[in-house]
């Protein structure tokens, strides 16, 4: 993801909400400026249909973040 960010390509990183503070600290120290979307935690124990539901919850935010970065 960092390589994509450095190339200036529209991208969105997805993270579990549980790790927001760590991600934000890492972003600050690494100069990582790509958009980030946080999804509800936990993810690992979910069944496939539950994972799809989480994806549906985040979809509009992900699309919004990508299109906000699109060149004019």
PDB file of N, CA and C in Angstrom:
ATOM      1  N   UNK A   1       0.826  -1.189   0.000  1.00  0.00           N
ATOM      2  CA  UNK A   1       0.000   0.000   0.000  1.00  0.00           C
ATOM      3  C   UNK A   1       0.864   1.244   0.000  1.00  0.00           C
ATOM      4  N   UNK A   2       1.956   1.239   0.732  1.00  0.00           N
ATOM      5  CA  UNK A   2       2.823   2.411   0.789  1.00  0.00           C
ATOM      6  C   UNK A   2       3.370   2.727  -0.597  1.00  0.00           C
ATOM      7  N   UNK A   3       3.719   1.697  -1.378  1.00  0.00           N
ATOM      8  CA  UNK A   3       4.222   1.911  -2.731  1.00  0.00           C
ATOM      9  C   UNK A   3       3.157   2.571  -3.616  1.00  0.00           C
ATOM     10  N   UNK A   4       1.916   2.140  -3.481  1.00  0.00           N
ATOM     11  CA  UNK A   4       0.819   2.748  -4.236  1.00  0.00           C
ATOM     12  C   UNK A   4       0.662   4.206  -3.829  1.00  0.00           C
ATOM     13  N   UNK A   5       0.697   4.469  -2.542  1.00  0.00           N
ATOM     14  CA  UNK A   5       0.589   5.834  -2.036  1.00  0.00           C
ATOM     15  C   UNK A   5       1.701   6.710  -2.606  1.00  0.00           C
ATOM     16  N   UNK A   6       2.914   6.200  -2.627  1.00  0.00           N
ATOM     17  CA  UNK A   6       4.048   6.971  -3.133  1.00  0.00           C
ATOM     18  C   UNK A   6       3.927   7.260  -4.623  1.00  0.00           C
ATOM     19  N   UNK A   7       3.237   6.391  -5.363  1.00  0.00           N
ATOM     20  CA  UNK A   7       3.041   6.601  -6.798  1.00  0.00           C
ATOM     21  C   UNK A   7       1.893   7.563  -7.083  1.00  0.00           C
ATOM     22  N   UNK A   8       1.150   7.948  -6.058  1.00  0.00           N
ATOM     23  CA  UNK A   8       0.051   8.876  -6.239  1.00  0.00           C
ATOM     24  C   UNK A   8      -1.199   8.249  -6.834  1.00  0.00           C
ATOM     25  N   UNK A   9      -1.312   6.929  -6.769  1.00  0.00           N
ATOM     26  CA  UNK A   9      -2.491   6.240  -7.300  1.00  0.00           C
ATOM     27  C   UNK A   9      -3.617   6.253  -6.279  1.00  0.00           C
ATOM     28  N   UNK A  10      -4.861   6.432  -6.719  1.00  0.00           N
ATOM     29  CA  UNK A  10      -5.980   6.380  -5.776  1.00  0.00           C
ATOM     30  C   UNK A  10      -6.062   5.004  -5.119  1.00  0.00           C
ATOM     31  N   UNK A  11      -6.063   4.972  -3.823  1.00  0.00           N
ATOM     32  CA  UNK A  11      -6.128   3.704  -3.090  1.00  0.00           C
ATOM     33  C   UNK A  11      -6.712   3.962  -1.705  1.00  0.00           C
ATOM     34  N   UNK A  12      -7.244   2.920  -1.125  1.00  0.00           N
ATOM     35  CA  UNK A  12      -7.808   2.990   0.217  1.00  0.00           C
ATOM     36  C   UNK A  12      -7.333   1.764   0.985  1.00  0.00           C
ATOM     37  N   UNK A  13      -6.818   1.989   2.157  1.00  0.00           N
ATOM     38  CA  UNK A  13      -6.416   0.887   3.031  1.00  0.00           C
ATOM     39  C   UNK A  13      -7.571   0.573   3.974  1.00  0.00           C
ATOM     40  N   UNK A  14      -7.831  -0.702   4.179  1.00  0.00           N
ATOM     41  CA  UNK A  14      -8.880  -1.135   5.107  1.00  0.00           C
ATOM     42  C   UNK A  14      -8.243  -1.709   6.351  1.00  0.00           C
ATOM     43  N   UNK A  15      -8.736  -1.253   7.500  1.00  0.00           N
ATOM     44  CA  UNK A  15      -8.219  -1.709   8.784  1.00  0.00           C
ATOM     45  C   UNK A  15      -9.368  -2.008   9.721  1.00  0.00           C
ATOM     46  N   UNK A  16      -9.121  -2.880  10.668  1.00  0.00           N
ATOM     47  CA  UNK A  16     -10.081  -3.134  11.723  1.00  0.00           C
ATOM     48  C   UNK A  16     -10.061  -1.959  12.698  1.00  0.00           C
ATOM     49  N   UNK A  17     -11.227  -1.535  13.124  1.00  0.00           N
ATOM     50  CA  UNK A  17     -11.366  -0.407  14.051  1.00  0.00           C
ATOM     51  C   UNK A  17     -10.507  -0.599  15.307  1.00  0.00           C
ATOM     52  N   UNK A  18     -10.338  -1.828  15.715  1.00  0.00           N
ATOM     53  CA  UNK A  18      -9.566  -2.144  16.917  1.00  0.00           C
ATOM     54  C   UNK A  18      -8.140  -1.597  16.854  1.00  0.00           C
ATOM     55  N   UNK A  19      -7.610  -1.443  15.650  1.00  0.00           N
ATOM     56  CA  UNK A  19      -6.212  -1.059  15.478  1.00  0.00           C
ATOM     57  C   UNK A  19      -6.035   0.389  15.020  1.00  0.00           C
ATOM     58  N   UNK A  20      -7.082   1.192  15.136  1.00  0.00           N
ATOM     59  CA  UNK A  20      -7.050   2.582  14.655  1.00  0.00           C
ATOM     60  C   UNK A  20      -5.872   3.369  15.239  1.00  0.00           C
ATOM     61  N   UNK A  21      -5.674   3.343  16.541  1.00  0.00           N
ATOM     62  CA  UNK A  21      -4.615   4.175  17.146  1.00  0.00           C
ATOM     63  C   UNK A  21      -3.233   3.755  16.653  1.00  0.00           C
ATOM     64  N   UNK A  22      -3.010   2.461  16.523  1.00  0.00           N
ATOM     65  CA  UNK A  22      -1.724   1.981  16.015  1.00  0.00           C
ATOM     66  C   UNK A  22      -1.505   2.355  14.560  1.00  0.00           C
ATOM     67  N   UNK A  23      -2.546   2.232  13.773  1.00  0.00           N
ATOM     68  CA  UNK A  23      -2.461   2.600  12.359  1.00  0.00           C
ATOM     69  C   UNK A  23      -2.174   4.093  12.219  1.00  0.00           C
ATOM     70  N   UNK A  24      -2.889   4.906  12.973  1.00  0.00           N
ATOM     71  CA  UNK A  24      -2.684   6.355  12.881  1.00  0.00           C
ATOM     72  C   UNK A  24      -1.265   6.740  13.309  1.00  0.00           C
ATOM     73  N   UNK A  25      -0.750   6.104  14.337  1.00  0.00           N
ATOM     74  CA  UNK A  25       0.622   6.379  14.769  1.00  0.00           C
ATOM     75  C   UNK A  25       1.618   5.959  13.685  1.00  0.00           C
ATOM     76  N   UNK A  26       1.390   4.798  13.090  1.00  0.00           N
ATOM     77  CA  UNK A  26       2.265   4.314  12.025  1.00  0.00           C
ATOM     78  C   UNK A  26       2.203   5.259  10.825  1.00  0.00           C
ATOM     79  N   UNK A  27       0.993   5.707  10.475  1.00  0.00           N
ATOM     80  CA  UNK A  27       0.837   6.629   9.339  1.00  0.00           C
ATOM     81  C   UNK A  27       1.634   7.900   9.576  1.00  0.00           C
ATOM     82  N   UNK A  28       1.576   8.422  10.788  1.00  0.00           N
ATOM     83  CA  UNK A  28       2.299   9.654  11.104  1.00  0.00           C
ATOM     84  C   UNK A  28       3.809   9.469  10.972  1.00  0.00           C
ATOM     85  N   UNK A  29       4.333   8.363  11.475  1.00  0.00           N
ATOM     86  CA  UNK A  29       5.786   8.153  11.443  1.00  0.00           C
ATOM     87  C   UNK A  29       6.293   7.799  10.053  1.00  0.00           C
ATOM     88  N   UNK A  30       5.462   7.160   9.227  1.00  0.00           N
ATOM     89  CA  UNK A  30       5.886   6.722   7.900  1.00  0.00           C
ATOM     90  C   UNK A  30       5.530   7.718   6.796  1.00  0.00           C
ATOM     91  N   UNK A  31       4.750   8.732   7.132  1.00  0.00           N
ATOM     92  CA  UNK A  31       4.329   9.682   6.114  1.00  0.00           C
ATOM     93  C   UNK A  31       3.319   9.084   5.150  1.00  0.00           C
ATOM     94  N   UNK A  32       2.569   8.119   5.622  1.00  0.00           N
ATOM     95  CA  UNK A  32       1.578   7.401   4.815  1.00  0.00           C
ATOM     96  C   UNK A  32       0.320   8.249   4.738  1.00  0.00           C
ATOM     97  N   UNK A  33      -0.006   8.715   3.530  1.00  0.00           N
ATOM     98  CA  UNK A  33      -1.084   9.667   3.394  1.00  0.00           C
ATOM     99  C   UNK A  33      -2.279   9.120   2.598  1.00  0.00           C
ATOM    100  N   UNK A  34      -2.323   7.838   2.351  1.00  0.00           N
ATOM    101  CA  UNK A  34      -3.459   7.258   1.629  1.00  0.00           C
ATOM    102  C   UNK A  34      -4.687   7.251   2.533  1.00  0.00           C
ATOM    103  N   UNK A  35      -5.830   7.201   1.905  1.00  0.00           N
ATOM    104  CA  UNK A  35      -7.077   7.146   2.667  1.00  0.00           C
ATOM    105  C   UNK A  35      -7.158   5.832   3.444  1.00  0.00           C
ATOM    106  N   UNK A  36      -7.829   5.883   4.574  1.00  0.00           N
ATOM    107  CA  UNK A  36      -8.022   4.685   5.383  1.00  0.00           C
ATOM    108  C   UNK A  36      -9.493   4.579   5.757  1.00  0.00           C
ATOM    109  N   UNK A  37     -10.003   3.361   5.700  1.00  0.00           N
ATOM    110  CA  UNK A  37     -11.367   3.070   6.128  1.00  0.00           C
ATOM    111  C   UNK A  37     -11.264   2.019   7.223  1.00  0.00           C
ATOM    112  N   UNK A  38     -11.986   2.245   8.296  1.00  0.00           N
ATOM    113  CA  UNK A  38     -11.961   1.327   9.430  1.00  0.00           C
ATOM    114  C   UNK A  38     -13.275   0.561   9.489  1.00  0.00           C
ATOM    115  N   UNK A  39     -13.169  -0.759   9.623  1.00  0.00           N
ATOM    116  CA  UNK A  39     -14.354  -1.618   9.705  1.00  0.00           C
ATOM    117  C   UNK A  39     -14.485  -2.174  11.115  1.00  0.00           C
ATOM    118  N   UNK A  40     -15.709  -2.568  11.442  1.00  0.00           N
ATOM    119  CA  UNK A  40     -15.963  -3.099  12.786  1.00  0.00           C
ATOM    120  C   UNK A  40     -15.099  -4.325  13.060  1.00  0.00           C
ATOM    121  N   UNK A  41     -14.701  -4.449  14.296  1.00  0.00           N
ATOM    122  CA  UNK A  41     -13.875  -5.550  14.780  1.00  0.00           C
ATOM    123  C   UNK A  41     -14.760  -6.511  15.558  1.00  0.00           C
ATOM    124  N   UNK A  42     -14.548  -7.778  15.569  1.00  0.00           N
ATOM    125  CA  UNK A  42     -13.516  -8.560  14.890  1.00  0.00           C
ATOM    126  C   UNK A  42     -13.956  -8.966  13.485  1.00  0.00           C
ATOM    127  N   UNK A  43     -13.008  -9.430  12.710  1.00  0.00           N
ATOM    128  CA  UNK A  43     -13.280  -9.894  11.352  1.00  0.00           C
ATOM    129  C   UNK A  43     -12.976 -11.387  11.220  1.00  0.00           C
ATOM    130  N   UNK A  44     -11.869 -11.817  11.793  1.00  0.00           N
ATOM    131  CA  UNK A  44     -11.387 -13.193  11.609  1.00  0.00           C
ATOM    132  C   UNK A  44     -12.422 -14.278  11.891  1.00  0.00           C
ATOM    133  N   UNK A  45     -13.208 -14.198  12.961  1.00  0.00           N
ATOM    134  CA  UNK A  45     -14.105 -15.327  13.241  1.00  0.00           C
ATOM    135  C   UNK A  45     -15.419 -15.304  12.452  1.00  0.00           C
ATOM    136  N   UNK A  46     -15.600 -14.325  11.580  1.00  0.00           N
ATOM    137  CA  UNK A  46     -16.870 -14.193  10.880  1.00  0.00           C
ATOM    138  C   UNK A  46     -17.046 -15.259   9.803  1.00  0.00           C
ATOM    139  N   UNK A  47     -18.293 -15.607   9.577  1.00  0.00           N
ATOM    140  CA  UNK A  47     -18.640 -16.494   8.472  1.00  0.00           C
ATOM    141  C   UNK A  47     -18.641 -15.681   7.187  1.00  0.00           C
ATOM    142  N   UNK A  48     -18.606 -16.348   6.062  1.00  0.00           N
ATOM    143  CA  UNK A  48     -18.503 -15.668   4.775  1.00  0.00           C
ATOM    144  C   UNK A  48     -19.601 -14.615   4.575  1.00  0.00           C
ATOM    145  N   UNK A  49     -20.836 -14.958   4.912  1.00  0.00           N
ATOM    146  CA  UNK A  49     -21.919 -13.991   4.723  1.00  0.00           C
ATOM    147  C   UNK A  49     -21.770 -12.792   5.664  1.00  0.00           C
ATOM    148  N   UNK A  50     -21.175 -12.991   6.815  1.00  0.00           N
ATOM    149  CA  UNK A  50     -20.930 -11.885   7.741  1.00  0.00           C
ATOM    150  C   UNK A  50     -19.820 -10.966   7.224  1.00  0.00           C
ATOM    151  N   UNK A  51     -18.816 -11.567   6.596  1.00  0.00           N
ATOM    152  CA  UNK A  51     -17.745 -10.771   5.993  1.00  0.00           C
ATOM    153  C   UNK A  51     -18.318  -9.929   4.852  1.00  0.00           C
ATOM    154  N   UNK A  52     -19.192 -10.529   4.071  1.00  0.00           N
ATOM    155  CA  UNK A  52     -19.829  -9.785   2.979  1.00  0.00           C
ATOM    156  C   UNK A  52     -20.655  -8.619   3.532  1.00  0.00           C
ATOM    157  N   UNK A  53     -21.324  -8.841   4.643  1.00  0.00           N
ATOM    158  CA  UNK A  53     -22.109  -7.768   5.265  1.00  0.00           C
ATOM    159  C   UNK A  53     -21.201  -6.631   5.728  1.00  0.00           C
ATOM    160  N   UNK A  54     -20.042  -6.963   6.282  1.00  0.00           N
ATOM    161  CA  UNK A  54     -19.086  -5.926   6.698  1.00  0.00           C
ATOM    162  C   UNK A  54     -18.587  -5.154   5.486  1.00  0.00           C
ATOM    163  N   UNK A  55     -18.340  -5.873   4.401  1.00  0.00           N
ATOM    164  CA  UNK A  55     -17.907  -5.208   3.167  1.00  0.00           C
ATOM    165  C   UNK A  55     -18.990  -4.257   2.667  1.00  0.00           C
ATOM    166  N   UNK A  56     -20.224  -4.702   2.727  1.00  0.00           N
ATOM    167  CA  UNK A  56     -21.339  -3.841   2.320  1.00  0.00           C
ATOM    168  C   UNK A  56     -21.404  -2.577   3.176  1.00  0.00           C
ATOM    169  N   UNK A  57     -21.144  -2.718   4.469  1.00  0.00           N
ATOM    170  CA  UNK A  57     -21.160  -1.568   5.379  1.00  0.00           C
ATOM    171  C   UNK A  57     -20.096  -0.535   4.996  1.00  0.00           C
ATOM    172  N   UNK A  58     -18.955  -0.994   4.539  1.00  0.00           N
ATOM    173  CA  UNK A  58     -17.832  -0.112   4.245  1.00  0.00           C
ATOM    174  C   UNK A  58     -17.816   0.375   2.798  1.00  0.00           C
ATOM    175  N   UNK A  59     -18.610  -0.232   1.941  1.00  0.00           N
ATOM    176  CA  UNK A  59     -18.535   0.018   0.500  1.00  0.00           C
ATOM    177  C   UNK A  59     -18.628   1.496   0.134  1.00  0.00           C
ATOM    178  N   UNK A  60     -19.642   2.191   0.597  1.00  0.00           N
ATOM    179  CA  UNK A  60     -19.824   3.596   0.231  1.00  0.00           C
ATOM    180  C   UNK A  60     -18.652   4.456   0.690  1.00  0.00           C
ATOM    181  N   UNK A  61     -18.135   4.174   1.864  1.00  0.00           N
ATOM    182  CA  UNK A  61     -16.994   4.943   2.375  1.00  0.00           C
ATOM    183  C   UNK A  61     -15.743   4.683   1.533  1.00  0.00           C
ATOM    184  N   UNK A  62     -15.526   3.432   1.129  1.00  0.00           N
ATOM    185  CA  UNK A  62     -14.384   3.085   0.291  1.00  0.00           C
ATOM    186  C   UNK A  62     -14.487   3.782  -1.065  1.00  0.00           C
ATOM    187  N   UNK A  63     -15.649   3.676  -1.702  1.00  0.00           N
ATOM    188  CA  UNK A  63     -15.843   4.310  -3.006  1.00  0.00           C
ATOM    189  C   UNK A  63     -15.685   5.829  -2.892  1.00  0.00           C
ATOM    190  N   UNK A  64     -16.241   6.400  -1.831  1.00  0.00           N
ATOM    191  CA  UNK A  64     -16.094   7.844  -1.612  1.00  0.00           C
ATOM    192  C   UNK A  64     -14.647   8.262  -1.463  1.00  0.00           C
ATOM    193  N   UNK A  65     -13.877   7.469  -0.742  1.00  0.00           N
ATOM    194  CA  UNK A  65     -12.455   7.794  -0.531  1.00  0.00           C
ATOM    195  C   UNK A  65     -11.659   7.678  -1.823  1.00  0.00           C
ATOM    196  N   UNK A  66     -11.963   6.666  -2.615  1.00  0.00           N
ATOM    197  CA  UNK A  66     -11.234   6.494  -3.884  1.00  0.00           C
ATOM    198  C   UNK A  66     -11.595   7.617  -4.864  1.00  0.00           C
ATOM    199  N   UNK A  67     -12.870   7.907  -4.989  1.00  0.00           N
ATOM    200  CA  UNK A  67     -13.274   8.915  -5.962  1.00  0.00           C
ATOM    201  C   UNK A  67     -12.882  10.324  -5.522  1.00  0.00           C
ATOM    202  N   UNK A  68     -12.721  10.551  -4.240  1.00  0.00           N
ATOM    203  CA  UNK A  68     -12.262  11.857  -3.753  1.00  0.00           C
ATOM    204  C   UNK A  68     -10.823  12.111  -4.175  1.00  0.00           C
ATOM    205  N   UNK A  69     -10.075  11.038  -4.446  1.00  0.00           N
ATOM    206  CA  UNK A  69      -8.667  11.151  -4.836  1.00  0.00           C
ATOM    207  C   UNK A  69      -8.491  11.198  -6.343  1.00  0.00           C
ATOM    208  N   UNK A  70      -9.547  10.965  -7.099  1.00  0.00           N
ATOM    209  CA  UNK A  70      -9.436  10.895  -8.557  1.00  0.00           C
ATOM    210  C   UNK A  70      -9.003  12.240  -9.130  1.00  0.00           C
ATOM    211  N   UNK A  71      -8.097  12.194 -10.115  1.00  0.00           N
ATOM    212  CA  UNK A  71      -7.658  13.446 -10.740  1.00  0.00           C
ATOM    213  C   UNK A  71      -8.823  14.119 -11.467  1.00  0.00           C
ATOM    214  N   UNK A  72      -8.795  15.425 -11.501  1.00  0.00           N
ATOM    215  CA  UNK A  72      -9.866  16.180 -12.190  1.00  0.00           C
ATOM    216  C   UNK A  72      -9.592  16.299 -13.673  1.00  0.00           C
TER     217      UNK A  72
END
